[in-house]
């Protein structure tokens, strides 16, 4: 019951902190504000402003790309499920040593077996390549969007508030 309360509190705090920063889809995809930056300084200032302003939307994009990467790499999904499920099962069902025939099975030997099977399985699933794909795809999408979106009128007032 306590674990459920913790999960509920975590979801609530995530919703309050991150999802409150979500901007409406109509504002995120406002085609009237799209323009080519005049120079690198303009692009840099747009990226700086838009990554803060649309941080919630960009977080959703990274999350969707991560889910897509897991779905399209079933071996990675299976290996992560095997390792996480193995850790959970060992902690829940085998906290104490068990006698199996003439052998005593300890948590240490179960973890060793989990690693001997799970690490090569994870290695073949290429999580490093998936991670770098996620970083690259997210960077291209986020930096591309942030550099071509002109900041709104509210950005002018944001600099006035900082100067005061």
N, C-alpha and C. Protein backbone atom coordinates (compact mmCIF):
# COMPACT_ATOMS: atom_id res chain seq x y z
N UNK A 1 0.82 -1.19 0.00
CA UNK A 1 0.00 0.00 0.00
C UNK A 1 0.87 1.26 0.00
N UNK A 2 1.97 1.19 0.77
CA UNK A 2 2.87 2.34 0.82
C UNK A 2 3.54 2.60 -0.52
N UNK A 3 3.87 1.52 -1.23
CA UNK A 3 4.49 1.67 -2.55
C UNK A 3 3.53 2.33 -3.52
N UNK A 4 2.25 1.99 -3.44
CA UNK A 4 1.25 2.61 -4.30
C UNK A 4 1.13 4.09 -3.99
N UNK A 5 1.21 4.46 -2.74
CA UNK A 5 1.15 5.88 -2.36
C UNK A 5 2.37 6.63 -2.90
N UNK A 6 3.55 5.98 -2.84
CA UNK A 6 4.75 6.60 -3.38
C UNK A 6 4.64 6.82 -4.88
N UNK A 7 4.13 5.81 -5.60
CA UNK A 7 3.97 5.93 -7.05
C UNK A 7 2.98 7.04 -7.36
N UNK A 8 1.89 7.11 -6.62
CA UNK A 8 0.89 8.16 -6.83
C UNK A 8 1.48 9.54 -6.59
N UNK A 9 2.27 9.68 -5.53
CA UNK A 9 2.91 10.97 -5.25
C UNK A 9 3.92 11.34 -6.32
N UNK A 10 4.65 10.35 -6.82
CA UNK A 10 5.63 10.60 -7.88
C UNK A 10 4.94 11.05 -9.16
N UNK A 11 3.85 10.38 -9.53
CA UNK A 11 3.11 10.76 -10.73
C UNK A 11 2.52 12.16 -10.56
N UNK A 12 2.00 12.45 -9.39
CA UNK A 12 1.41 13.77 -9.15
C UNK A 12 2.48 14.86 -9.25
N UNK A 13 3.65 14.65 -8.65
CA UNK A 13 4.70 15.66 -8.72
C UNK A 13 5.23 15.81 -10.14
N UNK A 14 5.30 14.69 -10.89
CA UNK A 14 5.73 14.78 -12.29
C UNK A 14 4.73 15.59 -13.09
N UNK A 15 3.44 15.35 -12.86
CA UNK A 15 2.40 16.06 -13.59
C UNK A 15 2.45 17.54 -13.26
N UNK A 16 2.66 17.87 -12.00
CA UNK A 16 2.70 19.27 -11.60
C UNK A 16 3.93 19.99 -12.13
N UNK A 17 5.07 19.31 -12.14
CA UNK A 17 6.30 19.98 -12.54
C UNK A 17 6.52 19.99 -14.04
N UNK A 18 6.37 18.84 -14.70
CA UNK A 18 6.70 18.75 -16.11
C UNK A 18 5.50 18.98 -17.04
N UNK A 19 4.40 18.35 -16.74
CA UNK A 19 3.26 18.46 -17.65
C UNK A 19 2.59 19.83 -17.55
N UNK A 20 2.84 20.56 -16.47
CA UNK A 20 2.30 21.92 -16.40
C UNK A 20 3.03 22.83 -17.37
N UNK A 21 4.23 22.44 -17.78
CA UNK A 21 5.02 23.23 -18.73
C UNK A 21 4.64 22.94 -20.18
N UNK A 22 3.70 22.03 -20.41
CA UNK A 22 3.28 21.73 -21.79
C UNK A 22 2.57 22.93 -22.40
N UNK A 23 2.95 23.26 -23.58
CA UNK A 23 2.29 24.33 -24.33
C UNK A 23 1.26 23.69 -25.26
N UNK A 24 0.22 24.41 -25.62
CA UNK A 24 -0.79 23.83 -26.51
C UNK A 24 -0.20 23.43 -27.87
N UNK A 25 -0.78 22.40 -28.45
CA UNK A 25 -0.30 21.91 -29.74
C UNK A 25 -0.38 22.99 -30.81
N UNK A 26 -1.43 23.80 -30.77
CA UNK A 26 -1.58 24.87 -31.76
C UNK A 26 -0.45 25.89 -31.65
N UNK A 27 0.05 26.12 -30.45
CA UNK A 27 1.17 27.03 -30.27
C UNK A 27 2.49 26.36 -30.66
N UNK A 28 2.63 25.07 -30.35
CA UNK A 28 3.85 24.34 -30.68
C UNK A 28 4.04 24.20 -32.19
N UNK A 29 2.95 24.02 -32.92
CA UNK A 29 3.01 23.85 -34.38
C UNK A 29 2.47 25.08 -35.11
N UNK A 30 2.65 26.28 -34.56
CA UNK A 30 2.16 27.51 -35.18
C UNK A 30 3.00 27.83 -36.42
N UNK A 31 2.43 27.56 -37.58
CA UNK A 31 3.19 27.73 -38.84
C UNK A 31 3.41 29.19 -39.18
N UNK A 32 2.70 30.12 -38.55
CA UNK A 32 2.91 31.54 -38.80
C UNK A 32 4.19 32.05 -38.16
N UNK A 33 4.70 31.33 -37.17
CA UNK A 33 5.91 31.76 -36.46
C UNK A 33 7.17 31.07 -37.01
N UNK A 34 7.05 30.28 -38.04
CA UNK A 34 8.20 29.58 -38.60
C UNK A 34 8.92 30.48 -39.60
N UNK A 35 10.21 30.65 -39.39
CA UNK A 35 11.02 31.41 -40.33
C UNK A 35 12.47 30.98 -40.21
N UNK A 36 13.19 31.19 -41.28
CA UNK A 36 14.62 30.85 -41.28
C UNK A 36 15.37 31.90 -40.47
N UNK A 37 16.23 31.46 -39.55
CA UNK A 37 17.00 32.44 -38.78
C UNK A 37 17.97 33.20 -39.69
N UNK A 38 18.14 34.49 -39.42
CA UNK A 38 18.99 35.33 -40.27
C UNK A 38 20.46 34.95 -40.16
N UNK A 39 20.90 34.62 -38.97
CA UNK A 39 22.30 34.25 -38.78
C UNK A 39 22.41 33.31 -37.58
N UNK A 40 23.63 32.94 -37.25
CA UNK A 40 23.85 31.98 -36.17
C UNK A 40 23.46 32.55 -34.80
N UNK A 41 23.66 33.86 -34.61
CA UNK A 41 23.28 34.48 -33.34
C UNK A 41 21.77 34.41 -33.13
N UNK A 42 21.01 34.64 -34.19
CA UNK A 42 19.55 34.55 -34.10
C UNK A 42 19.12 33.12 -33.79
N UNK A 43 19.74 32.17 -34.47
CA UNK A 43 19.40 30.77 -34.23
C UNK A 43 19.74 30.37 -32.80
N UNK A 44 20.88 30.81 -32.31
CA UNK A 44 21.28 30.49 -30.94
C UNK A 44 20.32 31.09 -29.91
N UNK A 45 19.92 32.34 -30.12
CA UNK A 45 19.00 32.96 -29.17
C UNK A 45 17.62 32.29 -29.24
N UNK A 46 17.18 31.90 -30.42
CA UNK A 46 15.91 31.19 -30.55
C UNK A 46 15.98 29.84 -29.83
N UNK A 47 17.08 29.12 -30.04
CA UNK A 47 17.23 27.81 -29.39
C UNK A 47 17.24 27.98 -27.88
N UNK A 48 17.95 28.98 -27.40
CA UNK A 48 18.02 29.23 -25.96
C UNK A 48 16.63 29.51 -25.38
N UNK A 49 15.86 30.37 -26.04
CA UNK A 49 14.53 30.72 -25.54
C UNK A 49 13.55 29.55 -25.70
N UNK A 50 13.50 28.95 -26.89
CA UNK A 50 12.49 27.93 -27.17
C UNK A 50 12.71 26.64 -26.39
N UNK A 51 13.96 26.29 -26.08
CA UNK A 51 14.16 25.07 -25.29
C UNK A 51 13.64 25.25 -23.87
N UNK A 52 13.68 26.47 -23.34
CA UNK A 52 13.08 26.71 -22.02
C UNK A 52 11.56 26.80 -22.14
N UNK A 53 11.08 27.51 -23.15
CA UNK A 53 9.65 27.77 -23.30
C UNK A 53 8.87 26.49 -23.62
N UNK A 54 9.41 25.65 -24.50
CA UNK A 54 8.74 24.42 -24.91
C UNK A 54 9.34 23.18 -24.24
N UNK A 55 9.93 23.32 -23.06
CA UNK A 55 10.63 22.19 -22.43
C UNK A 55 9.70 21.00 -22.18
N UNK A 56 8.47 21.25 -21.80
CA UNK A 56 7.53 20.15 -21.58
C UNK A 56 7.22 19.40 -22.87
N UNK A 57 7.02 20.14 -23.95
CA UNK A 57 6.74 19.52 -25.24
C UNK A 57 7.94 18.72 -25.74
N UNK A 58 9.14 19.26 -25.53
CA UNK A 58 10.33 18.54 -25.95
C UNK A 58 10.54 17.28 -25.12
N UNK A 59 10.19 17.34 -23.86
CA UNK A 59 10.25 16.14 -23.02
C UNK A 59 9.32 15.05 -23.52
N UNK A 60 8.13 15.44 -23.96
CA UNK A 60 7.18 14.47 -24.53
C UNK A 60 7.76 13.86 -25.81
N UNK A 61 8.42 14.68 -26.62
CA UNK A 61 9.03 14.18 -27.86
C UNK A 61 10.10 13.13 -27.54
N UNK A 62 10.95 13.42 -26.57
CA UNK A 62 11.99 12.46 -26.18
C UNK A 62 11.35 11.18 -25.66
N UNK A 63 10.30 11.31 -24.86
CA UNK A 63 9.60 10.13 -24.33
C UNK A 63 8.98 9.28 -25.43
N UNK A 64 8.35 9.92 -26.40
CA UNK A 64 7.74 9.19 -27.51
C UNK A 64 8.82 8.49 -28.34
N UNK A 65 9.92 9.16 -28.58
CA UNK A 65 11.01 8.53 -29.33
C UNK A 65 11.62 7.36 -28.56
N UNK A 66 11.70 7.47 -27.24
CA UNK A 66 12.23 6.37 -26.43
C UNK A 66 11.30 5.16 -26.50
N UNK A 67 10.00 5.40 -26.41
CA UNK A 67 9.04 4.29 -26.52
C UNK A 67 9.12 3.67 -27.91
N UNK A 68 9.24 4.50 -28.94
CA UNK A 68 9.38 3.99 -30.31
C UNK A 68 10.64 3.13 -30.45
N UNK A 69 11.74 3.59 -29.85
CA UNK A 69 13.00 2.83 -29.92
C UNK A 69 12.85 1.48 -29.24
N UNK A 70 12.15 1.43 -28.12
CA UNK A 70 11.95 0.15 -27.43
C UNK A 70 11.03 -0.77 -28.22
N UNK A 71 9.99 -0.22 -28.80
CA UNK A 71 9.04 -1.05 -29.56
C UNK A 71 9.69 -1.62 -30.81
N UNK A 72 10.52 -0.84 -31.47
CA UNK A 72 11.14 -1.30 -32.71
C UNK A 72 12.38 -2.16 -32.48
N UNK A 73 12.80 -2.31 -31.23
CA UNK A 73 13.92 -3.18 -30.90
C UNK A 73 13.43 -4.21 -29.87
N UNK A 74 12.73 -5.26 -30.35
CA UNK A 74 12.13 -6.20 -29.40
C UNK A 74 13.17 -6.95 -28.54
N UNK A 75 14.37 -7.18 -29.05
CA UNK A 75 15.38 -7.86 -28.25
C UNK A 75 15.79 -7.00 -27.05
N UNK A 76 15.88 -5.70 -27.26
CA UNK A 76 16.18 -4.80 -26.15
C UNK A 76 15.05 -4.81 -25.13
N UNK A 77 13.83 -4.80 -25.60
CA UNK A 77 12.68 -4.85 -24.71
C UNK A 77 12.66 -6.15 -23.90
N UNK A 78 12.95 -7.26 -24.57
CA UNK A 78 12.98 -8.56 -23.89
C UNK A 78 14.11 -8.62 -22.87
N UNK A 79 15.29 -8.14 -23.25
CA UNK A 79 16.43 -8.21 -22.34
C UNK A 79 16.23 -7.30 -21.13
N UNK A 80 15.68 -6.11 -21.33
CA UNK A 80 15.40 -5.25 -20.18
C UNK A 80 14.32 -5.85 -19.30
N UNK A 81 13.29 -6.43 -19.90
CA UNK A 81 12.25 -7.11 -19.12
C UNK A 81 12.81 -8.28 -18.34
N UNK A 82 13.72 -9.04 -18.97
CA UNK A 82 14.36 -10.18 -18.30
C UNK A 82 15.18 -9.72 -17.09
N UNK A 83 16.00 -8.69 -17.27
CA UNK A 83 16.84 -8.22 -16.18
C UNK A 83 16.02 -7.58 -15.05
N UNK A 84 15.09 -6.72 -15.41
CA UNK A 84 14.27 -6.06 -14.38
C UNK A 84 13.38 -7.08 -13.68
N UNK A 85 12.76 -7.97 -14.46
CA UNK A 85 11.92 -9.02 -13.88
C UNK A 85 12.73 -9.97 -13.01
N UNK A 86 13.96 -10.28 -13.43
CA UNK A 86 14.82 -11.14 -12.64
C UNK A 86 15.19 -10.51 -11.31
N UNK A 87 15.57 -9.23 -11.33
CA UNK A 87 15.88 -8.54 -10.08
C UNK A 87 14.67 -8.54 -9.15
N UNK A 88 13.51 -8.23 -9.71
CA UNK A 88 12.29 -8.19 -8.90
C UNK A 88 11.97 -9.56 -8.32
N UNK A 89 12.04 -10.60 -9.14
CA UNK A 89 11.71 -11.95 -8.67
C UNK A 89 12.70 -12.43 -7.61
N UNK A 90 13.98 -12.17 -7.80
CA UNK A 90 14.97 -12.59 -6.82
C UNK A 90 14.75 -11.87 -5.49
N UNK A 91 14.51 -10.57 -5.53
CA UNK A 91 14.30 -9.82 -4.29
C UNK A 91 13.00 -10.24 -3.59
N UNK A 92 11.97 -10.56 -4.35
CA UNK A 92 10.69 -10.88 -3.74
C UNK A 92 10.61 -12.33 -3.26
N UNK A 93 11.06 -13.27 -4.09
CA UNK A 93 10.82 -14.68 -3.79
C UNK A 93 12.01 -15.43 -3.21
N UNK A 94 13.20 -14.85 -3.26
CA UNK A 94 14.37 -15.58 -2.76
C UNK A 94 15.26 -14.72 -1.87
N UNK A 95 14.70 -14.12 -0.83
CA UNK A 95 15.57 -13.30 0.03
C UNK A 95 16.48 -14.15 0.91
N UNK A 96 16.07 -15.36 1.20
CA UNK A 96 16.86 -16.26 2.06
C UNK A 96 17.39 -17.42 1.22
N UNK A 97 18.52 -18.02 1.61
CA UNK A 97 19.04 -19.19 0.88
C UNK A 97 18.02 -20.34 0.91
N UNK A 98 17.97 -21.09 -0.20
CA UNK A 98 17.04 -22.22 -0.31
C UNK A 98 17.83 -23.50 -0.53
N UNK A 99 17.31 -24.57 -0.02
CA UNK A 99 17.91 -25.90 -0.22
C UNK A 99 17.21 -26.54 -1.40
N UNK A 100 17.95 -26.81 -2.49
CA UNK A 100 17.42 -27.50 -3.66
C UNK A 100 18.25 -28.77 -3.84
N UNK A 101 17.68 -29.89 -3.43
CA UNK A 101 18.43 -31.15 -3.48
C UNK A 101 19.59 -31.09 -2.51
N UNK A 102 20.80 -31.30 -3.05
CA UNK A 102 22.00 -31.24 -2.22
C UNK A 102 22.65 -29.85 -2.22
N UNK A 103 22.10 -28.92 -3.01
CA UNK A 103 22.72 -27.60 -3.19
C UNK A 103 21.95 -26.53 -2.43
N UNK A 104 22.69 -25.55 -1.95
CA UNK A 104 22.09 -24.36 -1.33
C UNK A 104 22.17 -23.23 -2.35
N UNK A 105 21.01 -22.70 -2.70
CA UNK A 105 20.92 -21.62 -3.68
C UNK A 105 20.77 -20.31 -2.91
N UNK A 106 21.74 -19.41 -3.10
CA UNK A 106 21.71 -18.12 -2.42
C UNK A 106 21.32 -17.02 -3.39
N UNK A 107 21.06 -15.83 -2.87
CA UNK A 107 20.76 -14.68 -3.72
C UNK A 107 21.95 -14.36 -4.63
N UNK A 108 23.14 -14.52 -4.10
CA UNK A 108 24.35 -14.23 -4.88
C UNK A 108 24.44 -15.14 -6.12
N UNK A 109 24.14 -16.42 -5.95
CA UNK A 109 24.21 -17.33 -7.09
C UNK A 109 23.08 -17.04 -8.09
N UNK A 110 21.92 -16.62 -7.60
CA UNK A 110 20.83 -16.25 -8.51
C UNK A 110 21.18 -15.00 -9.31
N UNK A 111 21.77 -14.01 -8.63
CA UNK A 111 22.21 -12.80 -9.34
C UNK A 111 23.29 -13.12 -10.36
N UNK A 112 24.20 -14.01 -10.02
CA UNK A 112 25.25 -14.42 -10.96
C UNK A 112 24.64 -15.05 -12.20
N UNK A 113 23.68 -15.95 -12.00
CA UNK A 113 22.99 -16.56 -13.14
C UNK A 113 22.24 -15.54 -13.97
N UNK A 114 21.61 -14.58 -13.31
CA UNK A 114 20.89 -13.52 -14.02
C UNK A 114 21.85 -12.70 -14.88
N UNK A 115 23.01 -12.36 -14.32
CA UNK A 115 23.99 -11.59 -15.08
C UNK A 115 24.60 -12.40 -16.21
N UNK A 116 24.88 -13.67 -15.99
CA UNK A 116 25.49 -14.51 -17.02
C UNK A 116 24.57 -14.63 -18.23
N UNK A 117 23.28 -14.65 -18.00
CA UNK A 117 22.33 -14.72 -19.12
C UNK A 117 21.95 -13.34 -19.62
N UNK A 118 21.70 -12.41 -18.69
CA UNK A 118 21.15 -11.10 -19.06
C UNK A 118 22.11 -10.16 -19.74
N UNK A 119 23.36 -10.12 -19.30
CA UNK A 119 24.31 -9.17 -19.88
C UNK A 119 24.62 -9.49 -21.35
N UNK A 120 24.91 -10.75 -21.73
CA UNK A 120 25.09 -11.02 -23.16
C UNK A 120 23.82 -10.75 -23.98
N UNK A 121 22.67 -11.06 -23.41
CA UNK A 121 21.41 -10.77 -24.10
C UNK A 121 21.27 -9.27 -24.31
N UNK A 122 21.60 -8.48 -23.30
CA UNK A 122 21.54 -7.03 -23.42
C UNK A 122 22.58 -6.52 -24.42
N UNK A 123 23.75 -7.14 -24.44
CA UNK A 123 24.80 -6.73 -25.37
C UNK A 123 24.36 -6.93 -26.82
N UNK A 124 23.70 -8.05 -27.12
CA UNK A 124 23.22 -8.30 -28.48
C UNK A 124 22.07 -7.37 -28.86
N UNK A 125 21.38 -6.81 -27.89
CA UNK A 125 20.27 -5.91 -28.17
C UNK A 125 20.74 -4.50 -28.54
N UNK A 126 22.01 -4.23 -28.43
CA UNK A 126 22.67 -2.96 -28.77
C UNK A 126 22.01 -1.74 -28.12
N UNK A 127 22.04 -1.66 -26.80
CA UNK A 127 21.45 -0.49 -26.14
C UNK A 127 22.23 0.80 -26.38
N UNK A 128 23.54 0.69 -26.63
CA UNK A 128 24.34 1.89 -26.87
C UNK A 128 23.93 2.54 -28.19
N UNK A 129 23.75 1.72 -29.21
CA UNK A 129 23.30 2.25 -30.50
C UNK A 129 21.91 2.87 -30.38
N UNK A 130 21.04 2.23 -29.63
CA UNK A 130 19.70 2.77 -29.42
C UNK A 130 19.77 4.09 -28.67
N UNK A 131 20.63 4.18 -27.67
CA UNK A 131 20.79 5.42 -26.92
C UNK A 131 21.29 6.54 -27.83
N UNK A 132 22.31 6.26 -28.64
CA UNK A 132 22.83 7.31 -29.52
C UNK A 132 21.82 7.68 -30.60
N UNK A 133 21.02 6.72 -31.07
CA UNK A 133 19.94 7.06 -32.01
C UNK A 133 18.95 8.00 -31.33
N UNK A 134 18.60 7.70 -30.09
CA UNK A 134 17.65 8.53 -29.35
C UNK A 134 18.20 9.94 -29.16
N UNK A 135 19.47 10.04 -28.79
CA UNK A 135 20.08 11.36 -28.61
C UNK A 135 20.12 12.11 -29.94
N UNK A 136 20.51 11.44 -31.02
CA UNK A 136 20.59 12.10 -32.32
C UNK A 136 19.24 12.53 -32.85
N UNK A 137 18.27 11.64 -32.80
CA UNK A 137 16.94 11.96 -33.32
C UNK A 137 16.30 13.08 -32.49
N UNK A 138 16.45 13.02 -31.18
CA UNK A 138 15.90 14.07 -30.32
C UNK A 138 16.57 15.40 -30.60
N UNK A 139 17.89 15.38 -30.75
CA UNK A 139 18.62 16.62 -31.00
C UNK A 139 18.21 17.26 -32.31
N UNK A 140 18.10 16.46 -33.36
CA UNK A 140 17.72 17.01 -34.66
C UNK A 140 16.33 17.62 -34.59
N UNK A 141 15.38 16.89 -34.01
CA UNK A 141 14.01 17.40 -33.93
C UNK A 141 13.91 18.63 -33.05
N UNK A 142 14.50 18.59 -31.88
CA UNK A 142 14.37 19.69 -30.93
C UNK A 142 15.13 20.92 -31.41
N UNK A 143 16.37 20.76 -31.81
CA UNK A 143 17.15 21.91 -32.28
C UNK A 143 16.58 22.47 -33.58
N UNK A 144 16.09 21.59 -34.44
CA UNK A 144 15.45 22.07 -35.68
C UNK A 144 14.22 22.89 -35.39
N UNK A 145 13.35 22.40 -34.54
CA UNK A 145 12.13 23.13 -34.19
C UNK A 145 12.47 24.43 -33.47
N UNK A 146 13.37 24.36 -32.49
CA UNK A 146 13.70 25.54 -31.69
C UNK A 146 14.37 26.63 -32.52
N UNK A 147 15.11 26.25 -33.55
CA UNK A 147 15.80 27.28 -34.34
C UNK A 147 14.90 27.94 -35.37
N UNK A 148 13.88 27.28 -35.83
CA UNK A 148 13.01 27.91 -36.85
C UNK A 148 11.78 28.59 -36.27
N UNK A 149 11.47 28.35 -34.99
CA UNK A 149 10.30 29.00 -34.37
C UNK A 149 10.70 30.36 -33.82
N UNK A 150 10.04 31.40 -34.31
CA UNK A 150 10.28 32.73 -33.76
C UNK A 150 9.68 32.81 -32.37
N UNK A 151 10.41 33.40 -31.43
CA UNK A 151 9.84 33.56 -30.09
C UNK A 151 8.60 34.44 -30.15
N UNK A 152 7.65 34.17 -29.28
CA UNK A 152 6.42 34.95 -29.24
C UNK A 152 6.64 36.32 -28.62
N UNK A 153 5.58 37.08 -28.54
CA UNK A 153 5.63 38.42 -27.96
C UNK A 153 6.08 38.35 -26.50
N UNK A 154 5.68 37.28 -25.81
CA UNK A 154 6.01 37.16 -24.39
C UNK A 154 7.51 37.11 -24.14
N UNK A 155 8.31 36.76 -25.16
CA UNK A 155 9.76 36.72 -24.97
C UNK A 155 10.33 38.11 -24.77
N UNK A 156 9.70 39.12 -25.36
CA UNK A 156 10.16 40.51 -25.17
C UNK A 156 9.97 40.94 -23.72
N UNK A 157 8.87 40.50 -23.12
CA UNK A 157 8.60 40.87 -21.73
C UNK A 157 9.46 40.07 -20.77
N UNK A 158 9.90 38.88 -21.16
CA UNK A 158 10.75 38.06 -20.30
C UNK A 158 12.10 38.74 -20.08
N UNK A 159 12.64 39.42 -21.10
CA UNK A 159 13.92 40.11 -20.95
C UNK A 159 13.75 41.38 -20.13
N UNK A 160 12.59 42.02 -20.19
CA UNK A 160 12.34 43.22 -19.39
C UNK A 160 12.30 42.84 -17.91
N UNK A 161 11.66 41.72 -17.58
CA UNK A 161 11.58 41.27 -16.19
C UNK A 161 12.94 40.92 -15.63
N UNK A 162 13.85 40.42 -16.47
CA UNK A 162 15.18 40.06 -16.01
C UNK A 162 16.03 41.29 -15.72
N UNK A 163 15.78 42.39 -16.45
CA UNK A 163 16.58 43.59 -16.30
C UNK A 163 16.19 44.37 -15.05
N UNK A 164 14.99 44.20 -14.57
CA UNK A 164 14.51 44.99 -13.42
C UNK A 164 15.04 44.48 -12.13
